[in-house]
Structure formats: C-alpha cells, structure tokens
Amino acid sequence: MRMYCKNCGKKFYPTDDGWVGYPYGPAESRVFHSRYCWEYWTKKNIEAYTIWLQQFPDYDINSDNQQP
C-alpha cells in the first residue's frame, strides 16, 4: 500500500508484517515514513496532539485507583 508521510510528503510502502512507517500498528494507521518525522510533527503540533490524546480513557496499569 502506498502512503505519503503526513509531515514531509515522502512516499513509503508500509505492510502489516514490515517495519516501515510510524507509529507501529496496522499498515493503514502508519502515517509517518520515519520516527524523526513523527517526533518532529508531534513537537510542531503538541497542542493538537495533547487534545487528541485526552479523548482516550486513562487506563494506567500502575495506577493505585483501579478496582480489583
């Protein structure tokens, strides 16, 4: 599958069983061609990234507040 990096536009080809693209997961969810592009985009868009992360519930496995 051909994808284009969300940060720099470089073309890359992620596969489900390969190591190309970030973040790791299914090939469709890899939107950056390199870890550098992923980290650079995150630094540029930290506010939007924080808002996006806050939509997920907090399931911290080390939390003392969890019920048995």
Protein backbone atom coordinates (compact mmCIF):
# COMPACT_ATOMS: atom_id res chain seq x y z
CA MET A 1 0.00 0.00 0.00
CA ARG A 2 1.41 3.39 -0.95
CA MET A 3 1.23 6.11 1.71
CA TYR A 4 2.54 9.66 1.95
CA CYS A 5 4.20 10.96 5.10
CA LYS A 6 1.93 13.37 6.99
CA ASN A 7 4.94 15.54 7.86
CA CYS A 8 7.12 15.71 4.75
CA GLY A 9 5.05 14.10 1.99
CA LYS A 10 7.61 11.38 1.23
CA LYS A 11 6.15 8.25 -0.36
CA PHE A 12 6.52 5.00 1.61
CA TYR A 13 5.08 1.50 1.47
CA PRO A 14 4.00 0.06 4.86
CA THR A 15 2.91 -3.56 5.21
CA ASP A 16 1.35 -5.35 8.17
CA ASP A 17 4.38 -7.62 8.57
CA GLY A 18 7.08 -4.99 7.83
CA TRP A 19 8.88 -2.32 9.84
CA VAL A 20 8.21 0.63 7.53
CA GLY A 21 6.24 3.57 8.90
CA TYR A 22 5.30 5.02 12.29
CA PRO A 23 3.56 4.66 14.68
CA TYR A 24 3.63 0.87 14.66
CA GLY A 25 0.29 -0.86 14.21
CA PRO A 26 -1.79 -1.85 11.20
CA ALA A 27 -0.36 -0.59 7.90
CA GLU A 28 -3.34 1.77 7.39
CA SER A 29 -2.54 3.64 10.62
CA ARG A 30 1.11 4.39 9.82
CA VAL A 31 1.19 7.99 8.68
CA PHE A 32 4.87 8.93 9.05
CA HIS A 33 7.71 7.47 6.99
CA SER A 34 10.28 7.78 9.80
CA ARG A 35 10.44 8.21 13.53
CA TYR A 36 12.07 11.62 13.01
CA CYS A 37 9.06 12.85 11.03
CA TRP A 38 6.70 11.51 13.70
CA GLU A 39 8.58 13.27 16.52
CA TYR A 40 9.04 16.48 14.52
CA TRP A 41 5.32 16.63 13.64
CA THR A 42 4.39 15.96 17.28
CA LYS A 43 6.63 18.80 18.50
CA LYS A 44 5.11 21.20 15.96
CA ASN A 45 1.55 20.15 16.84
CA ILE A 46 1.86 19.38 20.55
CA GLU A 47 -1.37 21.19 21.49
CA ALA A 48 -3.49 19.30 18.95
CA TYR A 49 -1.74 16.05 19.87
CA THR A 50 -2.48 16.60 23.58
CA ILE A 51 -6.17 17.27 22.88
CA TRP A 52 -6.32 14.11 20.75
CA LEU A 53 -4.71 12.00 23.49
CA GLN A 54 -7.08 13.36 26.14
CA GLN A 55 -10.07 11.84 24.37
CA PHE A 56 -8.95 8.36 25.42
CA PRO A 57 -9.75 6.98 28.88
CA ASP A 58 -6.88 6.80 31.32
CA TYR A 59 -6.09 3.11 31.78
CA ASP A 60 -2.81 3.34 33.67
CA ILE A 61 -1.80 -0.16 34.76
CA ASN A 62 0.33 1.33 37.53
CA SER A 63 -2.47 3.43 38.99
CA ASP A 64 -3.49 2.89 42.62
CA ASN A 65 -7.09 3.88 41.83
CA GLN A 66 -8.03 0.73 39.94
CA GLN A 67 -10.74 -1.54 41.20
CA PRO A 68 -9.98 -5.26 41.61
